[in-house]
PDB file of N, CA and C in Angstrom:
ATOM      1  N   UNK A   1     114.621  86.886 119.929  1.00  0.00           N
ATOM      2  CA  UNK A   1     113.450  87.092 119.808  1.00  0.00           C
ATOM      3  C   UNK A   1     112.097  85.300 119.556  1.00  0.00           C
ATOM      4  N   UNK A   2     112.065  84.853 119.906  1.00  0.00           N
ATOM      5  CA  UNK A   2     111.722  83.835 119.965  1.00  0.00           C
ATOM      6  C   UNK A   2     110.382  83.955 118.357  1.00  0.00           C
ATOM      7  N   UNK A   3     110.023  82.533 117.381  1.00  0.00           N
ATOM      8  CA  UNK A   3     109.170  83.238 116.730  1.00  0.00           C
ATOM      9  C   UNK A   3     107.415  83.772 117.396  1.00  0.00           C
ATOM     10  N   UNK A   4     107.115  83.199 118.383  1.00  0.00           N
ATOM     11  CA  UNK A   4     106.588  83.254 119.182  1.00  0.00           C
ATOM     12  C   UNK A   4     105.991  85.053 120.055  1.00  0.00           C
ATOM     13  N   UNK A   5     107.067  85.099 119.699  1.00  0.00           N
ATOM     14  CA  UNK A   5     107.136  86.444 120.791  1.00  0.00           C
ATOM     15  C   UNK A   5     106.613  87.727 119.655  1.00  0.00           C
ATOM     16  N   UNK A   6     105.997  88.592 120.534  1.00  0.00           N
ATOM     17  CA  UNK A   6     105.009  89.696 119.566  1.00  0.00           C
ATOM     18  C   UNK A   6     106.047  90.293 119.388  1.00  0.00           C
ATOM     19  N   UNK A   7     105.989  91.225 118.288  1.00  0.00           N
ATOM     20  CA  UNK A   7     107.172  92.746 117.576  1.00  0.00           C
ATOM     21  C   UNK A   7     106.011  93.536 117.936  1.00  0.00           C
ATOM     22  N   UNK A   8     106.792  94.556 118.806  1.00  0.00           N
ATOM     23  CA  UNK A   8     106.729  96.231 119.072  1.00  0.00           C
ATOM     24  C   UNK A   8     106.835  96.820 118.092  1.00  0.00           C
ATOM     25  N   UNK A   9     105.838  96.801 116.957  1.00  0.00           N
ATOM     26  CA  UNK A   9     106.182  98.289 115.992  1.00  0.00           C
ATOM     27  C   UNK A   9     105.806  99.177 115.867  1.00  0.00           C
ATOM     28  N   UNK A  10     106.587  99.921 115.621  1.00  0.00           N
ATOM     29  CA  UNK A  10     106.112 101.776 116.178  1.00  0.00           C
ATOM     30  C   UNK A  10     105.846 102.104 114.830  1.00  0.00           C
ATOM     31  N   UNK A  11     105.267 103.197 114.547  1.00  0.00           N
ATOM     32  CA  UNK A  11     104.489 104.062 113.097  1.00  0.00           C
ATOM     33  C   UNK A  11     105.970 105.515 113.199  1.00  0.00           C
ATOM     34  N   UNK A  12     106.929 105.432 112.611  1.00  0.00           N
ATOM     35  CA  UNK A  12     107.350 106.292 112.834  1.00  0.00           C
ATOM     36  C   UNK A  12     107.058 107.120 111.427  1.00  0.00           C
ATOM     37  N   UNK A  13     105.943 108.229 111.614  1.00  0.00           N
ATOM     38  CA  UNK A  13     105.959 109.476 110.886  1.00  0.00           C
ATOM     39  C   UNK A  13     106.949 110.704 110.416  1.00  0.00           C
ATOM     40  N   UNK A  14     107.996 110.726 111.124  1.00  0.00           N
ATOM     41  CA  UNK A  14     109.062 111.748 111.200  1.00  0.00           C
ATOM     42  C   UNK A  14     110.087 111.009 109.706  1.00  0.00           C
ATOM     43  N   UNK A  15     110.100 109.797 109.964  1.00  0.00           N
ATOM     44  CA  UNK A  15     111.067 109.751 109.547  1.00  0.00           C
ATOM     45  C   UNK A  15     110.242 108.311 107.490  1.00  0.00           C
ATOM     46  N   UNK A  16     109.127 108.377 108.006  1.00  0.00           N
ATOM     47  CA  UNK A  16     108.559 107.881 107.478  1.00  0.00           C
ATOM     48  C   UNK A  16     108.403 106.437 107.176  1.00  0.00           C
ATOM     49  N   UNK A  17     108.386 105.660 108.204  1.00  0.00           N
ATOM     50  CA  UNK A  17     108.605 104.226 108.285  1.00  0.00           C
ATOM     51  C   UNK A  17     108.088 103.534 109.460  1.00  0.00           C
ATOM     52  N   UNK A  18     107.205 102.174 109.390  1.00  0.00           N
ATOM     53  CA  UNK A  18     107.633 101.425 110.348  1.00  0.00           C
ATOM     54  C   UNK A  18     108.535 100.274 110.736  1.00  0.00           C
ATOM     55  N   UNK A  19     108.784 100.160 112.024  1.00  0.00           N
ATOM     56  CA  UNK A  19     110.228  99.780 112.680  1.00  0.00           C
ATOM     57  C   UNK A  19     109.958  99.154 113.708  1.00  0.00           C
ATOM     58  N   UNK A  20     110.812  98.515 113.761  1.00  0.00           N
ATOM     59  CA  UNK A  20     110.755  97.529 115.279  1.00  0.00           C
ATOM     60  C   UNK A  20     112.503  97.086 115.418  1.00  0.00           C
ATOM     61  N   UNK A  21     112.787  96.657 116.495  1.00  0.00           N
ATOM     62  CA  UNK A  21     114.290  96.051 117.014  1.00  0.00           C
ATOM     63  C   UNK A  21     113.599  94.418 117.291  1.00  0.00           C
ATOM     64  N   UNK A  22     114.588  93.996 116.430  1.00  0.00           N
ATOM     65  CA  UNK A  22     114.652  91.988 117.224  1.00  0.00           C
ATOM     66  C   UNK A  22     116.275  91.978 117.171  1.00  0.00           C
ATOM     67  N   UNK A  23     116.520  91.563 118.712  1.00  0.00           N
ATOM     68  CA  UNK A  23     117.726  91.324 118.582  1.00  0.00           C
ATOM     69  C   UNK A  23     118.535  92.645 118.015  1.00  0.00           C
ATOM     70  N   UNK A  24     118.372  93.858 118.634  1.00  0.00           N
ATOM     71  CA  UNK A  24     119.359  94.689 118.435  1.00  0.00           C
ATOM     72  C   UNK A  24     119.635  95.408 116.876  1.00  0.00           C
ATOM     73  N   UNK A  25     118.426  94.588 116.551  1.00  0.00           N
ATOM     74  CA  UNK A  25     118.742  94.867 114.476  1.00  0.00           C
ATOM     75  C   UNK A  25     117.534  95.781 114.709  1.00  0.00           C
ATOM     76  N   UNK A  26     118.118  96.240 113.525  1.00  0.00           N
ATOM     77  CA  UNK A  26     116.504  98.096 113.535  1.00  0.00           C
ATOM     78  C   UNK A  26     115.178  97.049 111.445  1.00  0.00           C
ATOM     79  N   UNK A  27     114.480  96.451 111.923  1.00  0.00           N
ATOM     80  CA  UNK A  27     113.643  96.247 110.320  1.00  0.00           C
ATOM     81  C   UNK A  27     112.700  97.043 110.350  1.00  0.00           C
ATOM     82  N   UNK A  28     112.402  97.495 108.699  1.00  0.00           N
ATOM     83  CA  UNK A  28     111.736  98.451 108.547  1.00  0.00           C
ATOM     84  C   UNK A  28     111.072  98.664 106.626  1.00  0.00           C
ATOM     85  N   UNK A  29     109.972  98.747 107.327  1.00  0.00           N
ATOM     86  CA  UNK A  29     109.207  99.511 105.792  1.00  0.00           C
ATOM     87  C   UNK A  29     109.154 100.899 105.728  1.00  0.00           C
ATOM     88  N   UNK A  30     109.709 101.407 105.202  1.00  0.00           N
ATOM     89  CA  UNK A  30     109.968 102.497 104.290  1.00  0.00           C
ATOM     90  C   UNK A  30     109.264 102.998 103.069  1.00  0.00           C
ATOM     91  N   UNK A  31     108.175 104.401 103.729  1.00  0.00           N
ATOM     92  CA  UNK A  31     107.507 104.849 102.287  1.00  0.00           C
ATOM     93  C   UNK A  31     107.417 106.291 101.775  1.00  0.00           C
ATOM     94  N   UNK A  32     106.715 106.782 101.381  1.00  0.00           N
ATOM     95  CA  UNK A  32     106.376 108.193 101.290  1.00  0.00           C
ATOM     96  C   UNK A  32     105.356 108.375 101.231  1.00  0.00           C
ATOM     97  N   UNK A  33     104.431 109.039 101.619  1.00  0.00           N
ATOM     98  CA  UNK A  33     103.215 109.988 101.907  1.00  0.00           C
ATOM     99  C   UNK A  33     102.990 111.226 101.168  1.00  0.00           C
ATOM    100  N   UNK A  34     102.271 111.327  99.787  1.00  0.00           N
ATOM    101  CA  UNK A  34     101.634 112.327  99.678  1.00  0.00           C
ATOM    102  C   UNK A  34     100.476 111.607  99.606  1.00  0.00           C
ATOM    103  N   UNK A  35      99.959 113.193  99.970  1.00  0.00           N
ATOM    104  CA  UNK A  35      98.472 113.375  99.881  1.00  0.00           C
ATOM    105  C   UNK A  35      97.495 112.022 100.786  1.00  0.00           C
ATOM    106  N   UNK A  36      96.327 111.382 100.227  1.00  0.00           N
ATOM    107  CA  UNK A  36      95.629 110.419 100.143  1.00  0.00           C
ATOM    108  C   UNK A  36      96.945 108.569 100.506  1.00  0.00           C
ATOM    109  N   UNK A  37      97.891 109.049  99.756  1.00  0.00           N
ATOM    110  CA  UNK A  37      98.660 107.419  99.166  1.00  0.00           C
ATOM    111  C   UNK A  37     100.180 107.492  99.945  1.00  0.00           C
ATOM    112  N   UNK A  38     100.315 106.097 100.208  1.00  0.00           N
ATOM    113  CA  UNK A  38     101.142 105.828 101.036  1.00  0.00           C
ATOM    114  C   UNK A  38     101.935 104.690  99.468  1.00  0.00           C
ATOM    115  N   UNK A  39     102.771 105.254  99.053  1.00  0.00           N
ATOM    116  CA  UNK A  39     104.565 104.802  98.499  1.00  0.00           C
ATOM    117  C   UNK A  39     105.308 104.168  99.070  1.00  0.00           C
ATOM    118  N   UNK A  40     105.143 102.390  99.995  1.00  0.00           N
ATOM    119  CA  UNK A  40     105.743 101.267 100.169  1.00  0.00           C
ATOM    120  C   UNK A  40     106.946 101.460  99.388  1.00  0.00           C
ATOM    121  N   UNK A  41     108.605 101.712  99.307  1.00  0.00           N
ATOM    122  CA  UNK A  41     109.354 101.652  98.313  1.00  0.00           C
ATOM    123  C   UNK A  41     110.450 100.764  99.076  1.00  0.00           C
ATOM    124  N   UNK A  42     110.441 100.113 100.342  1.00  0.00           N
ATOM    125  CA  UNK A  42     111.303  99.418 100.794  1.00  0.00           C
ATOM    126  C   UNK A  42     111.029  98.638 101.752  1.00  0.00           C
ATOM    127  N   UNK A  43     111.549  97.819 102.140  1.00  0.00           N
ATOM    128  CA  UNK A  43     110.956  96.434 103.357  1.00  0.00           C
ATOM    129  C   UNK A  43     112.367  95.777 103.436  1.00  0.00           C
ATOM    130  N   UNK A  44     112.821  96.318 104.984  1.00  0.00           N
ATOM    131  CA  UNK A  44     114.170  95.520 105.598  1.00  0.00           C
ATOM    132  C   UNK A  44     114.281  94.786 106.195  1.00  0.00           C
ATOM    133  N   UNK A  45     114.808  93.832 106.655  1.00  0.00           N
ATOM    134  CA  UNK A  45     115.298  93.092 107.762  1.00  0.00           C
ATOM    135  C   UNK A  45     116.478  92.516 107.672  1.00  0.00           C
ATOM    136  N   UNK A  46     117.260  91.966 108.019  1.00  0.00           N
ATOM    137  CA  UNK A  46     118.855  91.989 108.670  1.00  0.00           C
ATOM    138  C   UNK A  46     118.619  90.159 108.053  1.00  0.00           C
ATOM    139  N   UNK A  47     119.344  89.802 108.008  1.00  0.00           N
ATOM    140  CA  UNK A  47     119.522  88.729 106.609  1.00  0.00           C
ATOM    141  C   UNK A  47     119.397  87.557 108.034  1.00  0.00           C
ATOM    142  N   UNK A  48     120.351  87.906 109.070  1.00  0.00           N
ATOM    143  CA  UNK A  48     119.872  87.423 110.005  1.00  0.00           C
ATOM    144  C   UNK A  48     118.810  87.492 111.273  1.00  0.00           C
ATOM    145  N   UNK A  49     118.028  88.212 110.642  1.00  0.00           N
ATOM    146  CA  UNK A  49     116.361  87.633 111.236  1.00  0.00           C
ATOM    147  C   UNK A  49     115.746  86.795 109.788  1.00  0.00           C
ATOM    148  N   UNK A  50     115.747  87.208 108.659  1.00  0.00           N
ATOM    149  CA  UNK A  50     115.096  86.195 108.364  1.00  0.00           C
ATOM    150  C   UNK A  50     114.602  85.347 108.295  1.00  0.00           C
ATOM    151  N   UNK A  51     113.281  85.156 108.013  1.00  0.00           N
ATOM    152  CA  UNK A  51     112.114  83.843 107.600  1.00  0.00           C
ATOM    153  C   UNK A  51     111.318  83.482 109.413  1.00  0.00           C
ATOM    154  N   UNK A  52     111.875  84.480 109.631  1.00  0.00           N
ATOM    155  CA  UNK A  52     110.656  84.327 111.654  1.00  0.00           C
ATOM    156  C   UNK A  52     109.188  85.494 110.808  1.00  0.00           C
ATOM    157  N   UNK A  53     108.852  85.727 109.915  1.00  0.00           N
ATOM    158  CA  UNK A  53     107.433  86.698 109.802  1.00  0.00           C
ATOM    159  C   UNK A  53     107.650  88.300 110.366  1.00  0.00           C
ATOM    160  N   UNK A  54     109.247  88.521 110.213  1.00  0.00           N
ATOM    161  CA  UNK A  54     109.264  90.102 111.077  1.00  0.00           C
ATOM    162  C   UNK A  54     108.445  90.786 109.442  1.00  0.00           C
ATOM    163  N   UNK A  55     108.927  90.718 108.317  1.00  0.00           N
ATOM    164  CA  UNK A  55     109.191  91.458 106.909  1.00  0.00           C
ATOM    165  C   UNK A  55     107.200  92.229 106.927  1.00  0.00           C
ATOM    166  N   UNK A  56     106.711  90.403 107.083  1.00  0.00           N
ATOM    167  CA  UNK A  56     105.163  90.081 107.051  1.00  0.00           C
ATOM    168  C   UNK A  56     104.564  90.997 108.065  1.00  0.00           C
ATOM    169  N   UNK A  57     104.781  90.790 109.234  1.00  0.00           N
ATOM    170  CA  UNK A  57     104.548  91.687 110.315  1.00  0.00           C
ATOM    171  C   UNK A  57     104.481  93.328 109.966  1.00  0.00           C
ATOM    172  N   UNK A  58     105.421  94.153 109.763  1.00  0.00           N
ATOM    173  CA  UNK A  58     105.910  95.204 109.655  1.00  0.00           C
ATOM    174  C   UNK A  58     104.973  95.528 108.182  1.00  0.00           C
ATOM    175  N   UNK A  59     104.706  94.623 107.230  1.00  0.00           N
ATOM    176  CA  UNK A  59     103.533  95.412 106.191  1.00  0.00           C
ATOM    177  C   UNK A  59     102.355  94.829 106.356  1.00  0.00           C
ATOM    178  N   UNK A  60     102.087  93.812 107.344  1.00  0.00           N
ATOM    179  CA  UNK A  60     100.634  94.375 108.084  1.00  0.00           C
ATOM    180  C   UNK A  60     100.309  95.010 108.723  1.00  0.00           C
ATOM    181  N   UNK A  61     101.101  95.880 109.716  1.00  0.00           N
ATOM    182  CA  UNK A  61     100.657  96.691 110.246  1.00  0.00           C
ATOM    183  C   UNK A  61     100.723  98.254 109.509  1.00  0.00           C
ATOM    184  N   UNK A  62     101.427  98.328 107.530  1.00  0.00           N
ATOM    185  CA  UNK A  62     101.120  99.446 107.194  1.00  0.00           C
ATOM    186  C   UNK A  62      99.632  99.631 106.608  1.00  0.00           C
ATOM    187  N   UNK A  63      99.692  98.475 106.462  1.00  0.00           N
ATOM    188  CA  UNK A  63      98.092  98.114 105.567  1.00  0.00           C
ATOM    189  C   UNK A  63      97.662  98.837 106.484  1.00  0.00           C
ATOM    190  N   UNK A  64      97.587  97.945 108.079  1.00  0.00           N
ATOM    191  CA  UNK A  64      96.251  98.407 108.769  1.00  0.00           C
ATOM    192  C   UNK A  64      96.515 100.209 108.847  1.00  0.00           C
ATOM    193  N   UNK A  65      97.233  99.881 108.896  1.00  0.00           N
ATOM    194  CA  UNK A  65      97.329 102.328 109.716  1.00  0.00           C
ATOM    195  C   UNK A  65      96.788 102.429 108.349  1.00  0.00           C
ATOM    196  N   UNK A  66      96.969 102.749 106.766  1.00  0.00           N
ATOM    197  CA  UNK A  66      96.076 102.771 105.265  1.00  0.00           C
ATOM    198  C   UNK A  66      94.862 102.280 105.686  1.00  0.00           C
ATOM    199  N   UNK A  67      94.133 101.039 105.963  1.00  0.00           N
ATOM    200  CA  UNK A  67      93.352 100.935 106.324  1.00  0.00           C
ATOM    201  C   UNK A  67      92.026 101.981 106.977  1.00  0.00           C
ATOM    202  N   UNK A  68      93.134 101.772 108.286  1.00  0.00           N
ATOM    203  CA  UNK A  68      92.039 102.533 109.735  1.00  0.00           C
ATOM    204  C   UNK A  68      92.221 104.307 109.184  1.00  0.00           C
ATOM    205  N   UNK A  69      92.824 104.826 108.504  1.00  0.00           N
ATOM    206  CA  UNK A  69      93.435 106.228 107.407  1.00  0.00           C
ATOM    207  C   UNK A  69      92.807 106.798 106.232  1.00  0.00           C
ATOM    208  N   UNK A  70      92.131 105.403 106.292  1.00  0.00           N
ATOM    209  CA  UNK A  70      91.495 105.581 104.428  1.00  0.00           C
ATOM    210  C   UNK A  70      92.021 105.744 103.422  1.00  0.00           C
ATOM    211  N   UNK A  71      93.845 105.251 103.660  1.00  0.00           N
ATOM    212  CA  UNK A  71      94.556 105.540 102.499  1.00  0.00           C
ATOM    213  C   UNK A  71      94.925 104.719 101.165  1.00  0.00           C
ATOM    214  N   UNK A  72      95.596 104.602 100.351  1.00  0.00           N
ATOM    215  CA  UNK A  72      95.360 103.857  99.374  1.00  0.00           C
ATOM    216  C   UNK A  72      97.239 103.742  99.308  1.00  0.00           C
ATOM    217  N   UNK A  73      97.583 102.629  99.123  1.00  0.00           N
ATOM    218  CA  UNK A  73      98.702 101.909  98.691  1.00  0.00           C
ATOM    219  C   UNK A  73      99.796 101.757  97.481  1.00  0.00           C
ATOM    220  N   UNK A  74     100.615 102.402  97.580  1.00  0.00           N
ATOM    221  CA  UNK A  74     101.438 101.770  95.857  1.00  0.00           C
ATOM    222  C   UNK A  74     102.442 101.093  96.504  1.00  0.00           C
ATOM    223  N   UNK A  75     102.093  99.744  96.179  1.00  0.00           N
ATOM    224  CA  UNK A  75     103.463  98.824  96.767  1.00  0.00           C
ATOM    225  C   UNK A  75     104.039  98.938  95.553  1.00  0.00           C
ATOM    226  N   UNK A  76     105.572  99.501  96.087  1.00  0.00           N
ATOM    227  CA  UNK A  76     106.397  99.539  94.563  1.00  0.00           C
ATOM    228  C   UNK A  76     108.045  98.666  95.587  1.00  0.00           C
ATOM    229  N   UNK A  77     107.701  98.221  96.334  1.00  0.00           N
ATOM    230  CA  UNK A  77     108.630  96.927  96.856  1.00  0.00           C
ATOM    231  C   UNK A  77     108.126  95.884  96.562  1.00  0.00           C
ATOM    232  N   UNK A  78     109.681  95.311  96.014  1.00  0.00           N
ATOM    233  CA  UNK A  78     108.579  93.451  95.700  1.00  0.00           C
ATOM    234  C   UNK A  78     108.592  92.941  96.408  1.00  0.00           C
ATOM    235  N   UNK A  79     108.247  92.840  97.928  1.00  0.00           N
ATOM    236  CA  UNK A  79     108.568  92.122  99.269  1.00  0.00           C
ATOM    237  C   UNK A  79     107.030  92.661  99.127  1.00  0.00           C
ATOM    238  N   UNK A  80     106.259  93.408  99.555  1.00  0.00           N
ATOM    239  CA  UNK A  80     105.048  93.617  99.189  1.00  0.00           C
ATOM    240  C   UNK A  80     104.381  92.800  98.093  1.00  0.00           C
ATOM    241  N   UNK A  81     104.828  93.529  97.079  1.00  0.00           N
ATOM    242  CA  UNK A  81     103.831  92.822  95.835  1.00  0.00           C
ATOM    243  C   UNK A  81     103.737  91.484  95.996  1.00  0.00           C
ATOM    244  N   UNK A  82     104.823  91.051  96.289  1.00  0.00           N
ATOM    245  CA  UNK A  82     104.435  89.697  96.766  1.00  0.00           C
ATOM    246  C   UNK A  82     103.829  89.056  97.973  1.00  0.00           C
ATOM    247  N   UNK A  83     104.165  89.682  99.162  1.00  0.00           N
ATOM    248  CA  UNK A  83     102.925  89.843 100.227  1.00  0.00           C
ATOM    249  C   UNK A  83     101.721  90.147  99.622  1.00  0.00           C
ATOM    250  N   UNK A  84     101.206  91.035  99.232  1.00  0.00           N
ATOM    251  CA  UNK A  84     100.039  90.733  97.688  1.00  0.00           C
ATOM    252  C   UNK A  84      99.450  89.829  97.636  1.00  0.00           C
ATOM    253  N   UNK A  85     100.294  89.373  96.880  1.00  0.00           N
ATOM    254  CA  UNK A  85      99.749  87.965  96.375  1.00  0.00           C
ATOM    255  C   UNK A  85      99.135  86.920  97.434  1.00  0.00           C
ATOM    256  N   UNK A  86      99.573  87.085  98.709  1.00  0.00           N
ATOM    257  CA  UNK A  86      99.243  86.519  99.271  1.00  0.00           C
ATOM    258  C   UNK A  86      97.771  87.013 100.196  1.00  0.00           C
ATOM    259  N   UNK A  87      97.907  88.433  99.928  1.00  0.00           N
ATOM    260  CA  UNK A  87      97.049  88.494 100.816  1.00  0.00           C
ATOM    261  C   UNK A  87      95.951  89.232  99.829  1.00  0.00           C
ATOM    262  N   UNK A  88      94.793  89.111  99.437  1.00  0.00           N
ATOM    263  CA  UNK A  88      94.250  89.249  97.945  1.00  0.00           C
ATOM    264  C   UNK A  88      93.307  90.127  98.514  1.00  0.00           C
ATOM    265  N   UNK A  89      92.824  89.702 100.001  1.00  0.00           N
ATOM    266  CA  UNK A  89      92.004  90.381 100.746  1.00  0.00           C
ATOM    267  C   UNK A  89      92.391  92.141 100.429  1.00  0.00           C
ATOM    268  N   UNK A  90      93.540  92.136 100.401  1.00  0.00           N
ATOM    269  CA  UNK A  90      93.878  93.578 100.695  1.00  0.00           C
ATOM    270  C   UNK A  90      94.115  94.303  99.333  1.00  0.00           C
ATOM    271  N   UNK A  91      93.837  93.995  98.620  1.00  0.00           N
ATOM    272  CA  UNK A  91      94.206  94.375  97.329  1.00  0.00           C
ATOM    273  C   UNK A  91      93.263  95.529  96.931  1.00  0.00           C
ATOM    274  N   UNK A  92      92.463  95.766  97.931  1.00  0.00           N
ATOM    275  CA  UNK A  92      91.121  96.868  97.684  1.00  0.00           C
ATOM    276  C   UNK A  92      91.704  98.354  98.138  1.00  0.00           C
ATOM    277  N   UNK A  93      93.100  98.300  99.308  1.00  0.00           N
ATOM    278  CA  UNK A  93      93.683  99.177  99.737  1.00  0.00           C
ATOM    279  C   UNK A  93      94.739  99.846  98.512  1.00  0.00           C
ATOM    280  N   UNK A  94      94.928  98.731  97.330  1.00  0.00           N
ATOM    281  CA  UNK A  94      96.420  99.273  96.311  1.00  0.00           C
ATOM    282  C   UNK A  94      95.577 100.428  95.853  1.00  0.00           C
ATOM    283  N   UNK A  95      96.450 101.373  95.253  1.00  0.00           N
ATOM    284  CA  UNK A  95      96.104 103.021  94.056  1.00  0.00           C
ATOM    285  C   UNK A  95      95.818 101.899  93.040  1.00  0.00           C
ATOM    286  N   UNK A  96      95.062 102.506  92.128  1.00  0.00           N
ATOM    287  CA  UNK A  96      95.500 102.120  90.580  1.00  0.00           C
ATOM    288  C   UNK A  96      94.356 103.443  90.295  1.00  0.00           C
ATOM    289  N   UNK A  97      95.839 104.229  89.757  1.00  0.00           N
ATOM    290  CA  UNK A  97      95.011 105.413  88.855  1.00  0.00           C
ATOM    291  C   UNK A  97      93.989 104.779  87.607  1.00  0.00           C
ATOM    292  N   UNK A  98      93.372 105.944  87.777  1.00  0.00           N
ATOM    293  CA  UNK A  98      91.751 105.286  86.331  1.00  0.00           C
ATOM    294  C   UNK A  98      92.205 105.803  85.101  1.00  0.00           C
TER     295      UNK A  98
END
Protein backbone atom coordinates (compact mmCIF):
# COMPACT_ATOMS: atom_id res chain seq x y z
CA UNK A 1 0.00 0.00 0.00
CA UNK A 2 1.33 3.42 -0.86
CA UNK A 3 0.90 6.22 1.67
CA UNK A 4 -1.67 7.89 -0.58
CA UNK A 5 -3.83 4.79 -1.13
CA UNK A 6 -7.21 4.87 0.61
CA UNK A 7 -7.90 2.28 3.27
CA UNK A 8 -11.00 0.12 3.16
CA UNK A 9 -12.01 0.39 6.81
CA UNK A 10 -14.89 -1.80 7.89
CA UNK A 11 -16.95 -1.61 11.05
CA UNK A 12 -17.32 -5.14 12.38
CA UNK A 13 -20.06 -4.80 14.98
CA UNK A 14 -19.96 -8.49 15.87
CA UNK A 15 -16.27 -8.32 16.80
CA UNK A 16 -16.68 -4.74 18.09
CA UNK A 17 -13.90 -3.25 16.04
CA UNK A 18 -12.99 -1.10 13.09
CA UNK A 19 -10.56 -2.97 10.89
CA UNK A 20 -8.70 -3.01 7.63
CA UNK A 21 -6.13 -5.18 5.92
CA UNK A 22 -2.95 -3.75 4.48
CA UNK A 23 -0.48 -5.95 2.65
CA UNK A 24 -2.40 -8.92 4.06
CA UNK A 25 -1.99 -7.74 7.67
CA UNK A 26 -4.89 -6.89 9.98
CA UNK A 27 -5.07 -3.47 11.62
CA UNK A 28 -7.79 -2.60 14.09
CA UNK A 29 -9.35 -0.42 16.74
CA UNK A 30 -11.08 -2.63 19.28
CA UNK A 31 -13.87 -1.38 21.50
CA UNK A 32 -16.67 -2.42 23.81
CA UNK A 33 -20.09 -0.83 23.43
CA UNK A 34 -22.04 -0.22 26.62
CA UNK A 35 -25.39 1.47 25.93
CA UNK A 36 -24.48 4.79 24.29
CA UNK A 37 -20.78 4.64 25.25
CA UNK A 38 -17.93 3.19 23.20
CA UNK A 39 -14.90 2.17 25.26
CA UNK A 40 -11.88 2.01 22.95
CA UNK A 41 -9.36 -0.30 24.59
CA UNK A 42 -6.85 -1.19 21.86
CA UNK A 43 -5.41 0.09 18.61
CA UNK A 44 -3.29 -2.40 16.73
CA UNK A 45 -1.12 -1.94 13.67
CA UNK A 46 1.63 -4.47 12.91
CA UNK A 47 5.13 -3.08 13.30
CA UNK A 48 5.81 -3.52 9.57
CA UNK A 49 3.02 -1.02 8.81
CA UNK A 50 3.77 1.61 11.44
CA UNK A 51 4.28 5.20 10.34
CA UNK A 52 1.74 5.16 7.51
CA UNK A 53 -1.10 6.86 9.39
CA UNK A 54 -3.21 3.70 9.50
CA UNK A 55 -3.95 3.86 13.24
CA UNK A 56 -5.00 7.50 12.90
CA UNK A 57 -7.42 6.67 10.10
CA UNK A 58 -8.91 3.79 12.10
CA UNK A 59 -9.41 5.98 15.16
CA UNK A 60 -10.92 8.71 12.97
CA UNK A 61 -13.41 6.13 11.62
CA UNK A 62 -14.37 5.15 15.18
CA UNK A 63 -14.91 8.79 16.19
CA UNK A 64 -16.86 9.52 13.00
CA UNK A 65 -19.11 6.57 13.83
CA UNK A 66 -19.57 7.86 17.39
CA UNK A 67 -20.49 11.31 16.13
CA UNK A 68 -23.04 10.00 13.59
CA UNK A 69 -24.74 7.74 16.14
CA UNK A 70 -24.47 10.25 19.02
CA UNK A 71 -22.29 7.99 21.12
CA UNK A 72 -19.76 9.00 23.74
CA UNK A 73 -16.21 7.63 23.72
CA UNK A 74 -14.03 6.46 26.61
CA UNK A 75 -10.42 6.42 25.33
CA UNK A 76 -8.70 3.71 27.40
CA UNK A 77 -6.10 3.09 24.70
CA UNK A 78 -2.96 5.22 25.12
CA UNK A 79 -2.72 5.73 21.35
CA UNK A 80 -6.25 7.16 21.27
CA UNK A 81 -5.46 9.42 24.22
CA UNK A 82 -2.44 10.82 22.36
CA UNK A 83 -4.47 11.09 19.14
CA UNK A 84 -7.08 13.17 20.96
CA UNK A 85 -4.40 15.63 22.09
CA UNK A 86 -3.64 16.18 18.38
CA UNK A 87 -7.38 16.42 17.55
CA UNK A 88 -8.86 18.47 20.42
CA UNK A 89 -11.97 19.35 18.40
CA UNK A 90 -13.18 15.79 19.05
CA UNK A 91 -12.95 16.07 22.84
CA UNK A 92 -16.68 16.85 22.84
CA UNK A 93 -17.32 13.16 22.13
CA UNK A 94 -15.31 11.98 25.12
CA UNK A 95 -17.39 10.63 27.99
CA UNK A 96 -16.79 12.43 31.28
CA UNK A 97 -18.84 11.23 34.25
CA UNK A 98 -20.49 14.13 36.05
